N, C-alpha and C. Protein backbone atom coordinates (compact mmCIF):
# COMPACT_ATOMS: atom_id res chain seq x y z
N MET A 1 -5.17 13.11 11.75
CA MET A 1 -5.37 13.94 10.64
C MET A 1 -6.53 13.46 9.91
N LYS A 2 -7.34 14.21 9.54
CA LYS A 2 -8.76 13.77 9.33
C LYS A 2 -9.07 13.91 7.80
N GLY A 3 -9.82 12.91 7.27
CA GLY A 3 -9.75 12.99 5.63
C GLY A 3 -9.15 11.75 5.13
N ALA A 4 -9.50 11.20 4.12
CA ALA A 4 -8.60 10.03 3.15
C ALA A 4 -8.88 10.46 2.07
N LEU A 5 -7.75 10.50 1.15
CA LEU A 5 -7.48 10.89 -0.16
C LEU A 5 -7.43 9.49 -0.65
N ALA A 6 -8.14 9.21 -2.01
CA ALA A 6 -8.37 8.16 -2.77
C ALA A 6 -8.68 8.62 -4.26
N VAL A 7 -7.49 9.11 -4.81
CA VAL A 7 -7.88 9.57 -6.41
C VAL A 7 -8.78 10.87 -6.03
N ALA A 8 -8.60 11.61 -4.85
CA ALA A 8 -9.32 12.70 -4.76
C ALA A 8 -10.76 12.37 -4.47
N ALA A 9 -10.96 11.31 -3.56
CA ALA A 9 -12.03 10.93 -3.13
C ALA A 9 -12.09 10.39 -1.85
N LEU A 10 -13.22 10.27 -0.88
CA LEU A 10 -12.84 9.59 0.47
C LEU A 10 -13.18 8.38 0.48
N VAL A 11 -12.25 7.63 1.32
CA VAL A 11 -11.91 6.23 1.51
C VAL A 11 -12.36 6.16 2.67
N PRO A 12 -13.61 5.05 3.14
CA PRO A 12 -14.07 4.57 4.42
C PRO A 12 -12.72 3.83 4.94
N THR A 13 -12.70 3.75 6.30
CA THR A 13 -11.92 2.88 6.82
C THR A 13 -12.20 1.73 7.53
N GLY A 14 -11.78 0.55 7.46
CA GLY A 14 -12.61 -0.74 7.86
C GLY A 14 -11.53 -1.42 9.29
N ALA A 15 -12.60 -2.39 9.70
CA ALA A 15 -11.81 -2.87 11.13
C ALA A 15 -11.24 -4.13 10.66
N LEU A 16 -12.26 -5.25 10.08
CA LEU A 16 -11.61 -6.46 10.14
C LEU A 16 -11.16 -6.38 8.95
N LEU A 17 -10.05 -7.31 8.49
CA LEU A 17 -9.58 -7.46 7.30
C LEU A 17 -10.40 -8.67 6.23
N SER A 18 -10.80 -8.79 5.23
CA SER A 18 -11.08 -9.63 4.44
C SER A 18 -10.10 -10.93 4.24
N ALA A 19 -11.21 -12.01 3.63
CA ALA A 19 -10.26 -13.06 3.16
C ALA A 19 -9.55 -12.87 1.84
N CYS A 20 -8.26 -13.33 1.63
CA CYS A 20 -7.60 -13.25 0.38
C CYS A 20 -8.09 -13.59 -0.50
N ALA A 21 -8.34 -13.49 -1.69
CA ALA A 21 -8.92 -14.14 -3.12
C ALA A 21 -7.47 -14.60 -3.88
N SER A 22 -8.07 -15.40 -4.49
CA SER A 22 -6.75 -16.06 -5.34
C SER A 22 -7.12 -15.83 -7.08
N PRO A 23 -6.11 -15.13 -7.47
CA PRO A 23 -4.72 -15.26 -6.90
C PRO A 23 -4.60 -13.95 -7.06
N GLN A 24 -5.18 -12.84 -6.68
CA GLN A 24 -4.77 -11.46 -6.92
C GLN A 24 -4.16 -11.06 -5.73
N ASP A 25 -5.21 -10.84 -4.73
CA ASP A 25 -5.22 -10.01 -3.32
C ASP A 25 -4.45 -11.26 -2.32
N GLY A 26 -3.87 -12.03 -2.66
CA GLY A 26 -3.38 -13.26 -1.43
C GLY A 26 -3.22 -14.63 -2.00
N ALA A 27 -3.02 -14.89 -3.08
CA ALA A 27 -2.95 -16.20 -3.52
C ALA A 27 -1.59 -16.87 -3.28
N ALA A 28 -1.46 -17.94 -3.10
CA ALA A 28 -0.02 -18.53 -2.62
C ALA A 28 0.92 -18.36 -3.80
N SER A 29 1.98 -18.36 -3.60
CA SER A 29 3.26 -18.27 -4.87
C SER A 29 4.66 -19.00 -4.36
N SER A 30 4.97 -20.08 -5.15
CA SER A 30 5.96 -20.96 -4.87
C SER A 30 7.26 -20.71 -5.93
N SER A 31 6.76 -20.20 -6.99
CA SER A 31 7.78 -20.26 -8.09
C SER A 31 7.69 -18.69 -9.05
N ALA A 32 8.18 -19.13 -10.37
CA ALA A 32 8.57 -17.64 -11.40
C ALA A 32 6.72 -17.98 -12.19
N SER A 33 6.27 -18.95 -11.94
CA SER A 33 4.92 -19.24 -12.62
C SER A 33 3.78 -18.88 -11.97
N SER A 34 3.98 -18.78 -10.78
CA SER A 34 2.74 -18.39 -9.98
C SER A 34 2.90 -16.86 -9.49
N MET A 35 1.66 -16.68 -8.99
CA MET A 35 1.30 -15.02 -8.84
C MET A 35 0.97 -14.90 -7.64
N VAL A 36 1.10 -14.05 -6.76
CA VAL A 36 0.19 -14.00 -5.50
C VAL A 36 -0.11 -12.31 -4.92
N GLU A 37 -1.15 -12.29 -4.56
CA GLU A 37 -1.32 -11.30 -3.59
C GLU A 37 -1.02 -11.04 -2.45
N GLU A 38 -2.23 -10.75 -3.19
CA GLU A 38 -2.47 -9.62 -2.54
C GLU A 38 -1.67 -8.79 -2.79
N SER A 39 11.32 19.76 -0.30
CA SER A 39 10.16 20.90 -0.27
C SER A 39 9.49 20.89 0.34
N SER A 40 8.34 21.96 0.21
CA SER A 40 7.45 22.12 1.30
C SER A 40 6.00 22.47 0.81
N SER A 41 4.98 22.51 1.21
CA SER A 41 3.79 22.67 0.85
C SER A 41 2.85 22.96 2.07
N SER A 42 1.16 23.47 1.84
CA SER A 42 0.63 23.68 2.85
C SER A 42 0.00 22.16 3.57
N SER A 43 -0.11 22.11 4.45
CA SER A 43 -0.71 20.89 5.24
C SER A 43 -2.02 20.28 4.66
N VAL A 44 -2.34 19.09 4.19
CA VAL A 44 -3.79 18.97 3.81
C VAL A 44 -4.71 18.95 5.03
N ALA A 45 -4.04 18.40 6.44
CA ALA A 45 -4.88 18.20 7.51
C ALA A 45 -4.22 18.78 8.75
N GLU A 46 -4.98 18.98 9.97
CA GLU A 46 -4.00 19.15 10.90
C GLU A 46 -4.16 17.91 11.59
N PRO A 47 -3.26 17.37 12.49
CA PRO A 47 -3.67 16.02 13.31
C PRO A 47 -4.34 16.39 14.21
N SER A 48 -4.97 15.60 15.39
CA SER A 48 -6.10 16.30 16.16
C SER A 48 -5.14 16.54 17.26
N SER A 49 -5.61 17.41 18.25
CA SER A 49 -4.96 17.94 19.16
C SER A 49 -5.39 17.23 20.79
N SER A 50 -6.36 16.51 20.35
CA SER A 50 -6.58 15.65 21.76
C SER A 50 -6.23 14.37 21.99
N SER A 51 -5.28 13.88 22.55
CA SER A 51 -4.74 12.64 22.65
C SER A 51 -5.65 11.41 23.28
N THR A 52 -6.30 12.37 24.11
CA THR A 52 -7.58 11.57 25.16
C THR A 52 -8.51 11.13 24.20
N ALA A 53 -9.12 11.85 23.20
CA ALA A 53 -9.83 11.52 22.17
C ALA A 53 -9.48 10.29 21.33
N GLU A 54 -8.14 10.49 20.61
CA GLU A 54 -7.68 9.35 19.93
C GLU A 54 -7.43 8.19 20.81
N GLU A 55 -7.19 8.16 22.17
CA GLU A 55 -6.91 6.78 22.59
C GLU A 55 -8.15 6.19 22.82
N ALA A 56 -9.22 6.71 23.18
CA ALA A 56 -10.48 6.61 23.58
C ALA A 56 -11.17 5.93 22.34
N GLU A 57 -10.84 6.31 20.90
CA GLU A 57 -11.07 5.73 19.60
C GLU A 57 -10.36 4.56 19.34
N GLY A 58 -9.32 4.47 19.95
CA GLY A 58 -8.26 3.40 19.70
C GLY A 58 -7.33 3.52 18.56
N THR A 59 -7.02 5.19 18.65
CA THR A 59 -6.07 5.38 17.28
C THR A 59 -4.56 5.83 18.33
N ALA A 60 -3.85 5.59 17.29
CA ALA A 60 -2.58 6.03 17.87
C ALA A 60 -1.69 7.50 17.06
N THR A 61 -0.67 7.99 17.59
CA THR A 61 -0.34 9.14 17.09
C THR A 61 1.02 9.07 16.01
N ALA A 62 1.76 9.92 15.72
CA ALA A 62 2.52 9.72 14.69
C ALA A 62 3.01 11.28 14.91
N ALA A 63 4.19 11.04 14.44
CA ALA A 63 5.13 12.48 14.62
C ALA A 63 4.87 12.78 12.97
N GLY A 64 4.26 14.15 12.54
CA GLY A 64 3.87 14.80 11.58
C GLY A 64 2.88 13.83 10.51
N PRO A 65 2.38 14.76 9.55
CA PRO A 65 1.13 13.85 8.57
C PRO A 65 1.80 12.51 8.35
N VAL A 66 0.47 11.40 8.36
CA VAL A 66 0.77 10.26 7.72
C VAL A 66 -0.25 10.14 6.23
N LEU A 67 0.30 9.37 5.29
CA LEU A 67 -0.19 8.93 3.89
C LEU A 67 -0.36 7.12 4.07
N VAL A 68 -1.33 6.84 3.97
CA VAL A 68 -1.31 5.39 3.17
C VAL A 68 -1.54 5.26 1.98
N ALA A 69 -0.73 5.03 1.08
CA ALA A 69 -0.75 4.77 -0.35
C ALA A 69 -1.00 3.28 -0.64
N TYR A 70 -1.67 2.91 -1.40
CA TYR A 70 -1.74 1.47 -1.80
C TYR A 70 -2.62 1.12 -2.99
N TYR A 71 -2.38 -0.12 -3.51
CA TYR A 71 -2.96 -0.53 -4.62
C TYR A 71 -3.21 -2.16 -4.27
N SER A 72 -4.31 -2.20 -4.64
CA SER A 72 -5.27 -3.43 -4.45
C SER A 72 -5.97 -4.23 -5.41
N ALA A 73 -5.77 -5.15 -5.71
CA ALA A 73 -6.45 -5.76 -6.88
C ALA A 73 -7.56 -6.19 -6.85
N THR A 74 -8.12 -6.86 -5.55
CA THR A 74 -9.08 -7.30 -4.99
C THR A 74 -9.44 -7.19 -3.86
N GLY A 75 -9.19 -6.37 -3.39
CA GLY A 75 -9.71 -5.38 -1.84
C GLY A 75 -8.99 -6.09 -0.74
N ASN A 76 -8.11 -6.86 -0.92
CA ASN A 76 -7.14 -7.14 0.38
C ASN A 76 -6.24 -6.37 1.20
N THR A 77 -5.42 -5.86 0.36
CA THR A 77 -4.50 -4.70 0.14
C THR A 77 -5.26 -3.43 0.90
N ARG A 78 -6.28 -3.40 0.16
CA ARG A 78 -7.08 -1.92 0.84
C ARG A 78 -7.74 -2.06 2.18
N ALA A 79 -7.72 -3.46 2.39
CA ALA A 79 -8.21 -3.89 3.99
C ALA A 79 -7.47 -3.21 5.07
N VAL A 80 -6.05 -3.62 4.49
CA VAL A 80 -4.94 -3.64 5.33
C VAL A 80 -4.48 -2.10 5.86
N ALA A 81 -4.88 -1.41 4.01
CA ALA A 81 -4.32 0.05 3.94
C ALA A 81 -5.28 0.59 5.22
N GLU A 82 -6.61 0.54 5.15
CA GLU A 82 -7.68 1.27 5.82
C GLU A 82 -7.60 1.13 7.21
N ALA A 83 -7.06 -0.12 7.86
CA ALA A 83 -6.69 -0.38 9.19
C ALA A 83 -5.47 0.27 9.63
N ILE A 84 -4.70 0.58 8.83
CA ILE A 84 -3.55 1.39 9.37
C ILE A 84 -3.74 2.69 9.14
N ALA A 85 -4.47 3.21 8.27
CA ALA A 85 -5.06 4.52 8.42
C ALA A 85 -6.12 4.95 9.52
N ALA A 86 -7.08 4.01 9.72
CA ALA A 86 -8.02 3.87 11.19
C ALA A 86 -6.97 4.13 12.32
N HIS A 87 -5.94 3.41 12.37
CA HIS A 87 -5.04 3.12 13.80
C HIS A 87 -4.56 4.54 13.95
N LEU A 88 -4.20 5.18 12.69
CA LEU A 88 -3.37 6.23 12.81
C LEU A 88 -3.82 7.65 12.52
N ASP A 89 -4.94 7.37 12.04
CA ASP A 89 -5.70 8.82 11.73
C ASP A 89 -5.27 9.63 10.56
N ALA A 90 -4.92 8.57 9.44
CA ALA A 90 -4.16 8.99 8.46
C ALA A 90 -4.81 9.26 7.10
N ASP A 91 -4.10 9.88 6.11
CA ASP A 91 -4.75 9.80 5.02
C ASP A 91 -4.63 8.63 4.30
N VAL A 92 -5.70 8.64 3.00
CA VAL A 92 -5.39 7.43 2.50
C VAL A 92 -5.61 7.72 0.90
N PHE A 93 -4.65 7.14 -0.09
CA PHE A 93 -4.64 7.52 -1.69
C PHE A 93 -4.56 5.98 -2.07
N GLU A 94 -5.16 5.65 -3.00
CA GLU A 94 -5.54 4.34 -3.75
C GLU A 94 -4.63 4.82 -5.05
N ILE A 95 -3.89 3.93 -5.15
CA ILE A 95 -3.05 4.09 -6.57
C ILE A 95 -3.96 3.01 -7.50
N THR A 96 -4.19 3.93 -8.48
CA THR A 96 -5.30 3.25 -9.64
C THR A 96 -4.81 3.37 -10.72
N PRO A 97 -4.82 2.03 -11.29
CA PRO A 97 -4.33 2.18 -12.84
C PRO A 97 -5.57 2.73 -13.65
N VAL A 98 -5.07 3.53 -15.08
CA VAL A 98 -5.95 3.85 -15.84
C VAL A 98 -7.01 3.13 -16.36
N ASP A 99 -6.16 1.74 -16.65
CA ASP A 99 -6.97 0.56 -17.24
C ASP A 99 -6.94 -0.57 -16.20
N PRO A 100 -8.08 -0.65 -15.49
CA PRO A 100 -7.97 -1.30 -14.48
C PRO A 100 -7.88 -2.88 -14.81
N TYR A 101 -7.59 -3.60 -14.07
CA TYR A 101 -7.26 -5.20 -14.03
C TYR A 101 -8.55 -5.65 -14.09
N THR A 102 -9.01 -6.79 -14.53
CA THR A 102 -9.86 -7.62 -14.49
C THR A 102 -9.45 -8.94 -13.92
N GLU A 103 -10.77 -9.58 -13.54
CA GLU A 103 -10.47 -10.97 -13.25
C GLU A 103 -9.60 -11.80 -14.17
N GLU A 104 -9.84 -11.85 -15.51
CA GLU A 104 -8.94 -12.55 -16.33
C GLU A 104 -7.73 -11.85 -16.80
N ASP A 105 -7.28 -10.68 -17.14
CA ASP A 105 -6.05 -10.08 -16.25
C ASP A 105 -4.94 -10.71 -15.63
N LEU A 106 -5.65 -10.84 -14.44
CA LEU A 106 -4.76 -11.43 -13.26
C LEU A 106 -4.85 -12.89 -13.62
N GLY A 107 -5.27 -13.60 -14.27
CA GLY A 107 -5.04 -15.12 -14.59
C GLY A 107 -3.84 -15.47 -14.63
N TYR A 108 -3.05 -15.88 -13.41
CA TYR A 108 -1.84 -16.40 -13.40
C TYR A 108 -1.62 -17.69 -13.99
N THR A 109 -2.37 -18.62 -14.08
CA THR A 109 -2.07 -19.71 -14.89
C THR A 109 -1.97 -19.62 -16.49
N SER A 110 -2.38 -18.49 -16.92
CA SER A 110 -2.25 -18.29 -18.03
C SER A 110 -1.18 -17.63 -18.89
N ASP A 111 -0.35 -17.84 -19.77
CA ASP A 111 0.75 -17.05 -20.20
C ASP A 111 0.35 -15.97 -21.08
N ASP A 112 -0.91 -16.00 -21.50
CA ASP A 112 -1.25 -14.97 -22.15
C ASP A 112 -2.04 -13.82 -21.51
N SER A 113 -2.45 -14.15 -20.38
CA SER A 113 -3.07 -13.08 -19.44
C SER A 113 -1.93 -11.76 -19.60
N ARG A 114 -2.93 -10.97 -19.01
CA ARG A 114 -2.27 -9.30 -18.80
C ARG A 114 -1.12 -9.23 -18.14
N ALA A 115 -1.49 -9.66 -16.78
CA ALA A 115 -0.15 -9.60 -15.74
C ALA A 115 1.16 -10.68 -16.09
N SER A 116 0.57 -11.66 -16.73
CA SER A 116 1.71 -12.86 -17.24
C SER A 116 2.67 -11.81 -18.05
N ARG A 117 2.04 -11.28 -19.32
CA ARG A 117 2.68 -10.75 -20.53
C ARG A 117 3.51 -9.66 -19.81
N GLU A 118 2.53 -8.85 -18.87
CA GLU A 118 3.80 -7.72 -17.96
C GLU A 118 4.61 -8.13 -17.20
N ARG A 119 4.68 -9.22 -16.65
CA ARG A 119 5.73 -9.84 -15.67
C ARG A 119 6.86 -9.87 -16.85
N ASP A 120 6.51 -10.93 -17.81
CA ASP A 120 7.44 -10.88 -18.73
C ASP A 120 8.55 -9.54 -19.47
N ASP A 121 7.74 -8.56 -19.58
CA ASP A 121 7.76 -7.26 -20.55
C ASP A 121 9.15 -6.77 -19.34
N PRO A 122 10.53 -6.05 -19.80
CA PRO A 122 11.18 -5.28 -19.00
C PRO A 122 10.96 -4.02 -19.12
N ASN A 123 10.06 -3.84 -20.40
CA ASN A 123 9.61 -2.23 -20.58
C ASN A 123 8.07 -1.82 -19.85
N ARG A 124 7.50 -2.64 -19.36
CA ARG A 124 6.28 -2.68 -18.78
C ARG A 124 6.41 -1.57 -17.98
N SER A 125 4.94 -0.62 -18.25
CA SER A 125 4.45 0.52 -17.76
C SER A 125 3.00 0.67 -17.27
N VAL A 126 2.54 1.09 -16.25
CA VAL A 126 1.28 0.89 -15.93
C VAL A 126 0.87 2.51 -15.56
N GLU A 127 0.33 3.01 -16.38
CA GLU A 127 -0.28 4.74 -16.30
C GLU A 127 -1.14 4.45 -15.45
N LEU A 128 -1.14 5.66 -14.41
CA LEU A 128 -2.03 5.59 -13.19
C LEU A 128 -2.60 6.79 -13.22
N VAL A 129 -4.21 6.81 -12.92
CA VAL A 129 -5.13 7.64 -13.04
C VAL A 129 -4.24 9.08 -12.13
N GLN A 130 -3.61 8.93 -11.35
CA GLN A 130 -2.99 10.00 -10.52
C GLN A 130 -1.91 9.40 -9.78
N THR A 131 -0.62 10.29 -9.76
CA THR A 131 0.56 9.57 -9.35
C THR A 131 0.73 10.15 -8.06
N SER A 132 0.42 11.59 -7.54
CA SER A 132 0.47 11.95 -6.11
C SER A 132 -0.91 12.45 -5.80
N PRO A 133 -0.90 12.35 -4.22
CA PRO A 133 -2.31 13.05 -3.63
C PRO A 133 -1.75 14.51 -3.58
N GLU A 134 -2.95 15.30 -3.57
CA GLU A 134 -2.65 16.54 -3.32
C GLU A 134 -2.14 17.05 -1.85
N GLY A 135 -1.18 17.76 -1.91
CA GLY A 135 -0.04 18.09 -0.53
C GLY A 135 0.97 17.12 -0.35
N PHE A 136 1.16 16.15 -1.39
CA PHE A 136 2.14 15.18 -0.89
C PHE A 136 3.32 15.71 -0.30
N ASP A 137 3.94 16.85 -0.63
CA ASP A 137 5.18 17.34 0.18
C ASP A 137 4.95 17.53 1.70
N SER A 138 3.72 17.40 2.31
CA SER A 138 3.64 17.76 3.81
C SER A 138 3.48 16.45 4.44
N TYR A 139 3.44 15.10 3.73
CA TYR A 139 3.72 14.45 4.70
C TYR A 139 5.03 13.69 5.22
N ARG A 140 5.37 13.47 6.43
CA ARG A 140 6.49 12.92 6.72
C ARG A 140 6.53 11.57 6.79
N THR A 141 5.67 10.91 7.14
CA THR A 141 5.40 8.93 6.85
C THR A 141 4.67 8.82 5.77
N VAL A 142 5.24 8.06 5.07
CA VAL A 142 4.40 7.24 3.74
C VAL A 142 4.14 5.65 3.92
N PHE A 143 3.41 5.20 3.84
CA PHE A 143 3.26 3.87 4.08
C PHE A 143 2.61 3.39 2.66
N VAL A 144 3.38 2.36 1.83
CA VAL A 144 3.01 2.18 0.55
C VAL A 144 2.69 0.47 0.59
N GLY A 145 1.70 0.10 0.25
CA GLY A 145 0.97 -0.97 0.17
C GLY A 145 1.00 -2.03 -1.22
N TYR A 146 1.07 -2.99 -1.39
CA TYR A 146 1.01 -3.72 -2.58
C TYR A 146 0.70 -5.42 -2.40
N PRO A 147 0.21 -6.11 -3.51
CA PRO A 147 0.22 -7.34 -3.30
C PRO A 147 1.18 -7.96 -3.93
N ILE A 148 1.64 -9.12 -3.43
CA ILE A 148 2.93 -9.68 -4.23
C ILE A 148 2.45 -10.77 -5.18
N TRP A 149 3.56 -9.97 -6.50
CA TRP A 149 3.06 -10.94 -7.99
C TRP A 149 4.42 -11.74 -7.88
N TRP A 150 4.33 -12.90 -8.27
CA TRP A 150 5.22 -13.52 -8.53
C TRP A 150 6.71 -12.83 -7.75
N ASP A 151 6.50 -13.29 -6.50
CA ASP A 151 7.73 -12.77 -5.45
C ASP A 151 8.17 -10.98 -5.34
N GLU A 152 7.13 -10.37 -6.19
CA GLU A 152 7.75 -9.09 -6.33
C GLU A 152 6.57 -8.12 -5.83
N ALA A 153 6.75 -7.18 -5.67
CA ALA A 153 5.37 -6.00 -5.51
C ALA A 153 4.64 -5.77 -6.94
N ALA A 154 3.70 -5.92 -6.71
CA ALA A 154 3.02 -5.23 -8.10
C ALA A 154 3.04 -4.17 -8.29
N TRP A 155 3.67 -4.52 -9.94
CA TRP A 155 4.09 -3.23 -10.31
C TRP A 155 3.39 -2.29 -10.81
N VAL A 156 2.27 -2.14 -10.61
CA VAL A 156 1.11 -0.91 -10.31
C VAL A 156 1.83 0.19 -9.48
N VAL A 157 2.66 -0.32 -8.65
CA VAL A 157 2.85 0.91 -7.53
C VAL A 157 4.14 1.10 -8.03
N ASP A 158 4.96 1.05 -9.16
CA ASP A 158 5.99 1.38 -9.60
C ASP A 158 5.85 2.70 -9.92
N GLY A 159 4.64 3.42 -10.64
CA GLY A 159 4.58 4.48 -11.03
C GLY A 159 4.58 5.80 -9.67
N PHE A 160 3.87 5.12 -8.77
CA PHE A 160 3.76 6.10 -7.80
C PHE A 160 5.28 6.30 -6.94
N VAL A 161 6.15 5.28 -7.04
CA VAL A 161 6.89 5.33 -6.32
C VAL A 161 8.37 6.36 -6.86
N THR A 162 8.31 6.10 -8.50
CA THR A 162 9.06 6.65 -9.31
C THR A 162 8.62 7.78 -9.54
N GLY A 163 7.19 8.62 -9.44
CA GLY A 163 6.64 9.80 -9.78
C GLY A 163 6.78 10.53 -8.26
N ASN A 164 7.59 10.30 -7.47
CA ASN A 164 7.46 11.06 -6.35
C ASN A 164 8.82 11.12 -5.87
N ASP A 165 9.00 12.29 -5.00
CA ASP A 165 10.15 12.46 -4.09
C ASP A 165 9.67 12.39 -3.03
N PHE A 166 10.63 11.24 -1.98
CA PHE A 166 10.46 11.03 -0.80
C PHE A 166 11.32 11.45 0.02
N THR A 167 12.08 12.43 -0.25
CA THR A 167 13.16 13.16 0.07
C THR A 167 12.54 13.44 1.67
N GLY A 168 13.31 13.34 2.65
CA GLY A 168 12.78 14.02 3.89
C GLY A 168 11.73 13.05 4.52
N LYS A 169 11.09 11.80 4.16
CA LYS A 169 10.13 11.14 4.50
C LYS A 169 10.45 9.72 4.55
N THR A 170 9.79 9.10 5.96
CA THR A 170 10.03 7.83 6.20
C THR A 170 9.06 6.81 5.48
N VAL A 171 9.80 5.99 4.63
CA VAL A 171 8.63 5.06 3.96
C VAL A 171 8.46 3.62 4.56
N ILE A 172 7.27 3.30 4.42
CA ILE A 172 6.96 1.79 5.06
C ILE A 172 6.04 0.70 4.35
N PRO A 173 6.98 -0.04 3.73
CA PRO A 173 5.93 -0.77 2.92
C PRO A 173 5.50 -1.83 3.44
N PHE A 174 4.54 -2.14 2.84
CA PHE A 174 3.64 -3.39 3.31
C PHE A 174 2.91 -4.33 2.54
N CYS A 175 2.34 -5.53 2.47
CA CYS A 175 2.30 -6.05 1.48
C CYS A 175 1.05 -7.59 2.11
N THR A 176 0.45 -7.87 0.92
CA THR A 176 -0.56 -9.20 1.40
C THR A 176 0.09 -10.21 0.25
N SER A 177 -0.52 -11.34 0.90
CA SER A 177 -0.21 -12.49 -0.12
C SER A 177 -0.40 -14.10 0.54
N GLY A 178 -0.70 -14.92 0.04
CA GLY A 178 -1.45 -15.87 0.35
C GLY A 178 -0.45 -16.63 1.39
N SER A 179 0.77 -17.04 0.86
CA SER A 179 1.90 -17.68 1.52
C SER A 179 3.50 -17.05 1.41
N SER A 180 3.32 -16.07 0.36
CA SER A 180 4.76 -15.54 0.16
C SER A 180 5.62 -14.48 1.00
N PRO A 181 6.46 -14.48 1.34
CA PRO A 181 6.98 -13.20 2.28
C PRO A 181 6.86 -12.41 1.57
N ILE A 182 7.44 -10.90 2.34
CA ILE A 182 7.44 -9.66 1.46
C ILE A 182 8.87 -9.77 0.88
N GLY A 183 9.66 -10.40 0.84
CA GLY A 183 11.11 -10.89 0.82
C GLY A 183 11.92 -9.59 0.27
N THR A 184 12.15 -9.24 -0.85
CA THR A 184 12.96 -7.95 -1.11
C THR A 184 12.18 -6.89 -2.08
N SER A 185 10.98 -7.09 -1.86
CA SER A 185 10.24 -6.28 -2.70
C SER A 185 10.32 -4.79 -2.23
N GLY A 186 10.49 -4.83 -0.73
CA GLY A 186 10.68 -3.38 -0.03
C GLY A 186 11.74 -2.65 -0.61
N GLN A 187 13.12 -3.45 -0.46
CA GLN A 187 14.36 -2.71 -1.06
C GLN A 187 14.21 -2.44 -2.55
N ASP A 188 13.40 -3.66 -3.28
CA ASP A 188 13.36 -3.05 -4.75
C ASP A 188 12.86 -1.84 -4.92
N LEU A 189 11.29 -1.45 -4.17
CA LEU A 189 11.02 -0.28 -4.20
C LEU A 189 11.83 0.86 -3.84
N ALA A 190 12.67 0.86 -2.83
CA ALA A 190 13.45 1.87 -2.38
C ALA A 190 14.44 2.18 -3.45
N ALA A 191 15.02 1.24 -4.26
CA ALA A 191 16.19 1.32 -5.12
C ALA A 191 15.38 1.99 -6.22
N LEU A 192 14.08 1.88 -6.99
CA LEU A 192 13.20 2.61 -7.82
C LEU A 192 12.90 3.68 -7.32
N ALA A 193 12.99 3.94 -5.83
CA ALA A 193 12.69 5.74 -5.66
C ALA A 193 13.85 6.40 -5.46
N GLY A 194 14.63 5.75 -4.72
CA GLY A 194 16.05 6.43 -5.07
C GLY A 194 16.24 8.06 -3.93
N THR A 195 14.76 7.96 -3.16
CA THR A 195 14.93 9.06 -2.26
C THR A 195 14.23 8.52 -0.79
N GLY A 196 14.17 9.05 0.35
CA GLY A 196 13.48 8.76 1.15
C GLY A 196 14.12 7.52 2.24
N GLU A 197 14.12 7.40 3.49
CA GLU A 197 14.50 6.54 4.63
C GLU A 197 13.28 5.32 4.47
N TRP A 198 13.74 4.26 3.83
CA TRP A 198 12.72 3.09 3.73
C TRP A 198 12.90 2.01 4.85
N LEU A 199 12.22 1.93 5.49
CA LEU A 199 12.00 0.87 6.56
C LEU A 199 11.58 -0.60 6.04
N GLU A 200 11.96 -1.42 7.00
CA GLU A 200 11.47 -2.84 6.86
C GLU A 200 10.36 -2.98 6.72
N GLY A 201 9.73 -3.60 5.91
CA GLY A 201 8.21 -3.71 5.66
C GLY A 201 7.63 -5.07 6.50
N ALA A 202 6.23 -5.29 6.10
CA ALA A 202 5.57 -6.75 6.99
C ALA A 202 5.06 -7.27 5.78
N ARG A 203 4.49 -8.33 5.63
CA ARG A 203 3.47 -9.04 5.08
C ARG A 203 2.40 -9.43 5.55
N PHE A 204 1.19 -9.34 5.34
CA PHE A 204 -0.16 -9.65 6.28
C PHE A 204 -0.76 -11.00 5.30
N PRO A 205 -1.36 -12.11 5.87
CA PRO A 205 -1.65 -12.84 5.13
C PRO A 205 -3.52 -13.13 4.96
N GLU A 206 -4.13 -13.59 4.34
CA GLU A 206 -5.38 -13.52 4.46
C GLU A 206 -6.15 -13.74 5.59
N SER A 207 -7.06 -13.17 5.79
CA SER A 207 -7.84 -13.05 6.99
C SER A 207 -7.16 -12.69 8.20
N ALA A 208 -6.28 -11.82 8.12
CA ALA A 208 -5.51 -10.84 8.94
C ALA A 208 -6.61 -10.17 9.95
N ALA A 209 -6.38 -9.79 11.24
CA ALA A 209 -7.46 -8.98 11.87
C ALA A 209 -6.84 -7.60 11.76
N ALA A 210 -7.54 -6.82 12.01
CA ALA A 210 -7.15 -5.24 12.21
C ALA A 210 -6.34 -5.19 13.63
N SER A 211 -6.58 -6.07 14.58
CA SER A 211 -5.57 -6.18 15.89
C SER A 211 -4.20 -6.45 15.27
N GLU A 212 -3.89 -7.39 14.43
CA GLU A 212 -2.63 -7.54 14.00
C GLU A 212 -1.80 -6.44 13.38
N VAL A 213 -2.70 -5.99 12.53
CA VAL A 213 -2.36 -4.94 11.48
C VAL A 213 -1.71 -3.66 12.68
N GLU A 214 -2.44 -3.28 13.61
CA GLU A 214 -2.30 -2.27 14.63
C GLU A 214 -1.38 -2.53 15.59
N ALA A 215 -1.03 -4.13 15.80
CA ALA A 215 0.46 -4.33 16.73
C ALA A 215 1.29 -3.82 15.91
N TRP A 216 1.23 -4.53 14.63
CA TRP A 216 2.56 -3.69 14.00
C TRP A 216 2.79 -2.45 13.82
N VAL A 217 1.89 -1.64 13.46
CA VAL A 217 1.84 -0.19 13.52
C VAL A 217 2.37 0.41 14.85
N ASP A 218 2.08 -0.08 15.74
CA ASP A 218 2.74 0.18 17.32
C ASP A 218 3.98 -0.12 17.38
N SER A 219 4.27 -1.23 16.65
CA SER A 219 6.03 -1.42 16.76
C SER A 219 6.93 -0.79 16.44
N LEU A 220 6.33 0.05 15.09
CA LEU A 220 7.06 1.22 14.55
C LEU A 220 7.63 2.28 15.29
N GLY A 221 6.98 2.31 16.26
CA GLY A 221 7.18 3.67 17.21
C GLY A 221 7.36 5.01 16.33
N LEU A 222 6.19 5.21 15.59
CA LEU A 222 5.74 6.28 15.10
C LEU A 222 5.30 7.33 15.98
């Protein structure tokens, strides 16, 4: 499926994943004081009809339209998302907060940083520029990517998860971090969503190669 959606803008796909930056898209996390990253409607685009051409370009095929939605604080989760999208010829949707996070906002060593305050706020809510991409109902498979913050999915993605109906869709979480595992972040998002068939996700380290991402995607048997 050609084209990539990122808040109504095209997003290029990348081949090699960039190294993770601390602490946003991939810093190490070992405790609660540390933070880590990293119905129907008309179809948005038709999948390619030439499997031979796809194989020549190194892409795979999936059953039905695929969306890769992600939030990335510093670019590392974006690199994984673009590698997935390039391999599946999928659309990309960037989950973008109305008020972007600055480097200071993401200061995990400061109790007064924005992220630290939000972590401790049970009523936290991050307003998004756009909750759903156009034609969301047409997607059969949705990847959801995010950095790990304090051993959980960066809560910026919560609005996307709660604001969309995943009924009839296969949802696959993925994350980036310096050392923390994906843990229960996928299950937690599935509980928030309340709809969709959520599969076990995967965590990618800093400096992960596109080939590593592609091997994981292939293992899903989409």
